Structure formats: C-alpha cells, structure tokens
C-alpha cells in the first residue's frame, strides 16, 4: 500500500498513460514552512515517496512533494514549472547517468529563466560514472548513493539542515550534512 493503492488488486481494464504527462504522487504538507519537490523518473519512485514521508516525520517544518515524471520526452513542462515555482528545492532522481533526465530538466529550467533569481536549488541524483560492484539492487542503489537515506540527506543538505549518514564509496560528494 505504498501509494494509497492496494498492491494485490489489479484494475479490470488497463488505462493508457497520457503522453508526456507526469503525476503528483504525494503533496507536501500545506502548513510546511519549507518545501522540497522530488521529481522521480523510473525506478526510484518508491524510495522517493518513502524519503518524503520520513523527512516530514523528522522535521515538521519541511513538506515534501513527490512527482512521477513518467516521460522524459516529451517533458511535462507544466509539472516541472509547478514544482519549480512552488518549492525552494527540486531534486530529480533517476537510475540514469549524467546527460539524462535531470540534465533535461535543468536545461529547460535554465532556458526558461527559472533559475535566474537564485531562489530555486536544483540537484539531479543519478548513477555515478564509476563501476558498481555486483550485489542486490538495494546494495547497488546504496553504493551508488540513490537509496532512501541519500535522497533524504540530499534534500536536507539543500535546505541547510544537518542529517548525518555514512558515506558511500562511489558518491562524488560526501553525503554527511553539516
């Protein structure tokens, strides 16, 4: 029951996804003083939702919205603008690499002038450009810095808040927040 839907029940008939349209999976608390948006593309959606829930339980002034991009092209520019204008932090999270979805979003935001006033902090979370050891998917996401705790730490760091976690050997930046 991760997104409010039972995982054991399937709809009777499938519904086609609207082309180029993402969806908001979870909205930030209305009363939050500080707001973070996580725009997930692909497999990191469940971890993003779990990170959002945990952040809101450990810091009551922070609200976290999670959106499922669903499509890289065409990019849902309406969704990206909504997230960029309603939040002070925007994190893109994907099981991709440099030059992927996060860079596509950054390019759109830069060309549209959404970064010009310096109020929006944007951070793409992608697989590092390094070899990742064989292991379970969870172990590999952890090693790559794309697990729930790294998503949480990235959000808190961008808000200027402290959250201590041990580093992953593959992550370029030290994830310990000071």
Protein backbone atom coordinates (compact mmCIF):
# COMPACT_ATOMS: atom_id res chain seq x y z
CA UNK A 1 0.00 0.00 0.00
CA UNK A 2 2.82 2.38 -0.92
CA UNK A 3 0.87 4.97 -2.90
CA UNK A 4 -2.56 4.52 -1.34
CA UNK A 5 -3.47 1.69 -3.69
CA UNK A 6 -3.59 -1.97 -2.71
CA UNK A 7 -0.76 -3.86 -4.36
CA UNK A 8 -2.74 -7.08 -4.51
CA UNK A 9 -5.64 -5.78 -6.61
CA UNK A 10 -5.34 -5.04 -10.31
CA UNK A 11 -7.73 -2.85 -12.28
CA UNK A 12 -10.12 -4.74 -14.52
CA UNK A 13 -9.00 -2.90 -17.61
CA UNK A 14 -5.81 -1.02 -18.28
CA UNK A 15 -5.79 2.69 -18.99
CA UNK A 16 -3.33 4.28 -21.40
CA UNK A 17 -0.93 6.77 -19.87
CA UNK A 18 -1.42 10.31 -21.17
CA UNK A 19 1.55 11.05 -23.44
CA UNK A 20 4.04 13.45 -21.90
CA UNK A 21 2.16 13.88 -18.61
CA UNK A 22 3.59 13.14 -15.19
CA UNK A 23 1.64 12.92 -11.97
CA UNK A 24 1.96 14.10 -8.42
CA UNK A 25 2.12 11.07 -6.14
CA UNK A 26 2.33 12.93 -2.85
CA UNK A 27 1.85 16.59 -1.94
CA UNK A 28 3.83 18.49 0.66
CA UNK A 29 2.02 19.43 3.84
CA UNK A 30 0.11 22.69 3.34
CA UNK A 31 1.43 24.15 6.60
CA UNK A 32 5.09 23.46 5.79
CA UNK A 33 7.39 26.47 6.05
CA UNK A 34 9.94 24.95 3.66
CA UNK A 35 9.09 22.84 0.64
CA UNK A 36 11.05 20.26 -1.32
CA UNK A 37 9.98 18.59 -4.57
CA UNK A 38 11.36 15.25 -5.71
CA UNK A 39 10.77 14.55 -9.40
CA UNK A 40 11.39 10.86 -9.92
CA UNK A 41 11.99 9.25 -13.28
CA UNK A 42 11.77 5.47 -13.30
CA UNK A 43 12.70 3.05 -10.55
CA UNK A 44 13.45 5.50 -7.74
CA UNK A 45 9.81 6.49 -7.20
CA UNK A 46 9.10 4.21 -4.22
CA UNK A 47 12.32 5.30 -2.48
CA UNK A 48 11.42 8.94 -3.15
CA UNK A 49 7.99 8.54 -1.55
CA UNK A 50 9.50 6.78 1.47
CA UNK A 51 12.14 9.51 1.81
CA UNK A 52 9.44 12.20 1.68
CA UNK A 53 7.42 10.52 4.41
CA UNK A 54 10.47 10.13 6.62
CA UNK A 55 11.62 13.73 6.16
CA UNK A 56 8.19 15.01 7.19
CA UNK A 57 8.24 12.83 10.32
CA UNK A 58 11.67 14.03 11.46
CA UNK A 59 11.24 17.73 10.60
CA UNK A 60 7.79 19.24 10.95
CA UNK A 61 8.68 22.49 9.18
CA UNK A 62 9.55 20.65 5.93
CA UNK A 63 6.98 19.47 3.39
CA UNK A 64 7.91 17.17 0.51
CA UNK A 65 6.08 16.72 -2.78
CA UNK A 66 6.90 13.67 -4.90
CA UNK A 67 6.08 13.57 -8.60
CA UNK A 68 6.40 10.73 -11.08
CA UNK A 69 7.72 12.18 -14.34
CA UNK A 70 6.75 9.06 -16.33
CA UNK A 71 8.14 10.55 -19.57
CA UNK A 72 11.47 12.09 -20.49
CA UNK A 73 10.29 13.22 -23.90
CA UNK A 74 8.06 14.97 -24.24
CA UNK A 75 8.93 16.56 -20.91
CA UNK A 76 5.91 17.57 -18.82
CA UNK A 77 6.92 21.22 -18.67
CA UNK A 78 3.75 22.21 -16.79
CA UNK A 79 4.63 19.80 -13.99
CA UNK A 80 8.26 20.96 -13.90
CA UNK A 81 7.20 24.63 -13.72
CA UNK A 82 4.70 23.85 -10.96
CA UNK A 83 7.35 22.06 -8.89
CA UNK A 84 9.95 24.77 -9.54
CA UNK A 85 7.67 27.66 -8.59
CA UNK A 86 6.02 26.08 -5.53
CA UNK A 87 9.16 24.68 -3.86
CA UNK A 88 12.55 26.02 -2.83
CA UNK A 89 14.33 22.73 -3.61
CA UNK A 90 13.85 20.49 -6.65
CA UNK A 91 15.60 17.12 -6.77
CA UNK A 92 15.45 14.91 -9.83
CA UNK A 93 16.07 11.25 -9.06
CA UNK A 94 16.73 8.63 -11.69
CA UNK A 95 18.53 5.40 -12.40
CA UNK A 96 20.29 7.15 -15.25
CA UNK A 97 23.54 8.99 -15.67
CA UNK A 98 24.97 12.37 -16.49
CA UNK A 99 23.19 13.81 -19.52
CA UNK A 100 19.91 12.09 -18.69
CA UNK A 101 16.55 13.19 -17.34
CA UNK A 102 17.94 15.50 -14.65
CA UNK A 103 20.02 17.40 -17.19
CA UNK A 104 16.98 17.66 -19.47
CA UNK A 105 15.01 19.27 -16.61
CA UNK A 106 17.91 21.61 -15.74
CA UNK A 107 18.23 22.70 -19.37
CA UNK A 108 14.51 23.50 -19.53
CA UNK A 109 14.63 25.46 -16.25
CA UNK A 110 17.73 27.41 -17.31
CA UNK A 111 16.32 28.36 -20.72
CA UNK A 112 13.03 29.41 -19.12
CA UNK A 113 14.77 31.68 -16.61
CA UNK A 114 13.51 29.73 -13.59
CA UNK A 115 17.00 29.69 -12.05
CA UNK A 116 17.78 33.36 -12.61
CA UNK A 117 16.72 34.72 -9.23
CA UNK A 118 18.76 32.15 -7.29
CA UNK A 119 15.80 31.09 -5.14
CA UNK A 120 15.43 27.56 -6.50
CA UNK A 121 18.04 24.94 -5.62
CA UNK A 122 18.11 22.07 -8.11
CA UNK A 123 20.03 18.85 -7.72
CA UNK A 124 19.99 15.85 -10.07
CA UNK A 125 20.60 12.48 -8.40
CA UNK A 126 21.99 9.99 -10.92
CA UNK A 127 24.16 6.90 -11.02
CA UNK A 128 27.83 7.81 -10.53
CA UNK A 129 30.15 7.44 -13.50
CA UNK A 130 32.02 4.61 -11.78
CA UNK A 131 31.96 0.83 -11.58
CA UNK A 132 29.34 -0.54 -9.17
CA UNK A 133 30.04 -3.92 -7.59
CA UNK A 134 27.68 -6.83 -8.12
CA UNK A 135 25.09 -7.19 -5.39
CA UNK A 136 21.40 -6.94 -4.69
CA UNK A 137 19.57 -3.99 -6.21
CA UNK A 138 19.30 -2.44 -2.74
CA UNK A 139 23.04 -2.80 -2.15
CA UNK A 140 23.83 -1.29 -5.54
CA UNK A 141 21.49 1.69 -5.02
CA UNK A 142 23.09 2.22 -1.61
CA UNK A 143 26.58 2.06 -3.09
CA UNK A 144 25.54 4.46 -5.86
CA UNK A 145 24.01 6.95 -3.42
CA UNK A 146 20.44 6.55 -4.72
CA UNK A 147 18.83 4.89 -1.70
CA UNK A 148 16.18 6.45 0.51
CA UNK A 149 18.69 7.79 3.02
CA UNK A 150 20.74 9.52 0.32
CA UNK A 151 17.60 11.14 -1.11
CA UNK A 152 16.74 12.35 2.40
CA UNK A 153 20.26 13.64 3.01
CA UNK A 154 20.32 15.50 -0.30
CA UNK A 155 17.03 17.23 0.49
CA UNK A 156 18.12 18.20 3.99
CA UNK A 157 21.54 19.44 2.79
CA UNK A 158 19.88 21.70 0.22
CA UNK A 159 17.71 23.13 3.00
CA UNK A 160 20.83 23.80 5.06
CA UNK A 161 19.87 21.22 7.68
CA UNK A 162 22.02 18.59 9.31
CA UNK A 163 21.48 14.89 8.74
CA UNK A 164 24.36 12.52 9.42
CA UNK A 165 24.77 9.40 7.31
CA UNK A 166 27.84 7.40 6.45
CA UNK A 167 29.30 7.92 3.01
CA UNK A 168 29.05 5.61 0.04
CA UNK A 169 32.38 4.87 -1.61
CA UNK A 170 31.03 5.79 -5.06
CA UNK A 171 29.31 9.07 -4.34
CA UNK A 172 31.38 12.02 -5.51
CA UNK A 173 30.21 14.32 -2.73
CA UNK A 174 30.30 13.47 0.97
CA UNK A 175 26.65 12.95 1.90
CA UNK A 176 27.19 13.81 5.57
CA UNK A 177 25.43 17.10 6.09
CA UNK A 178 26.97 19.66 8.39
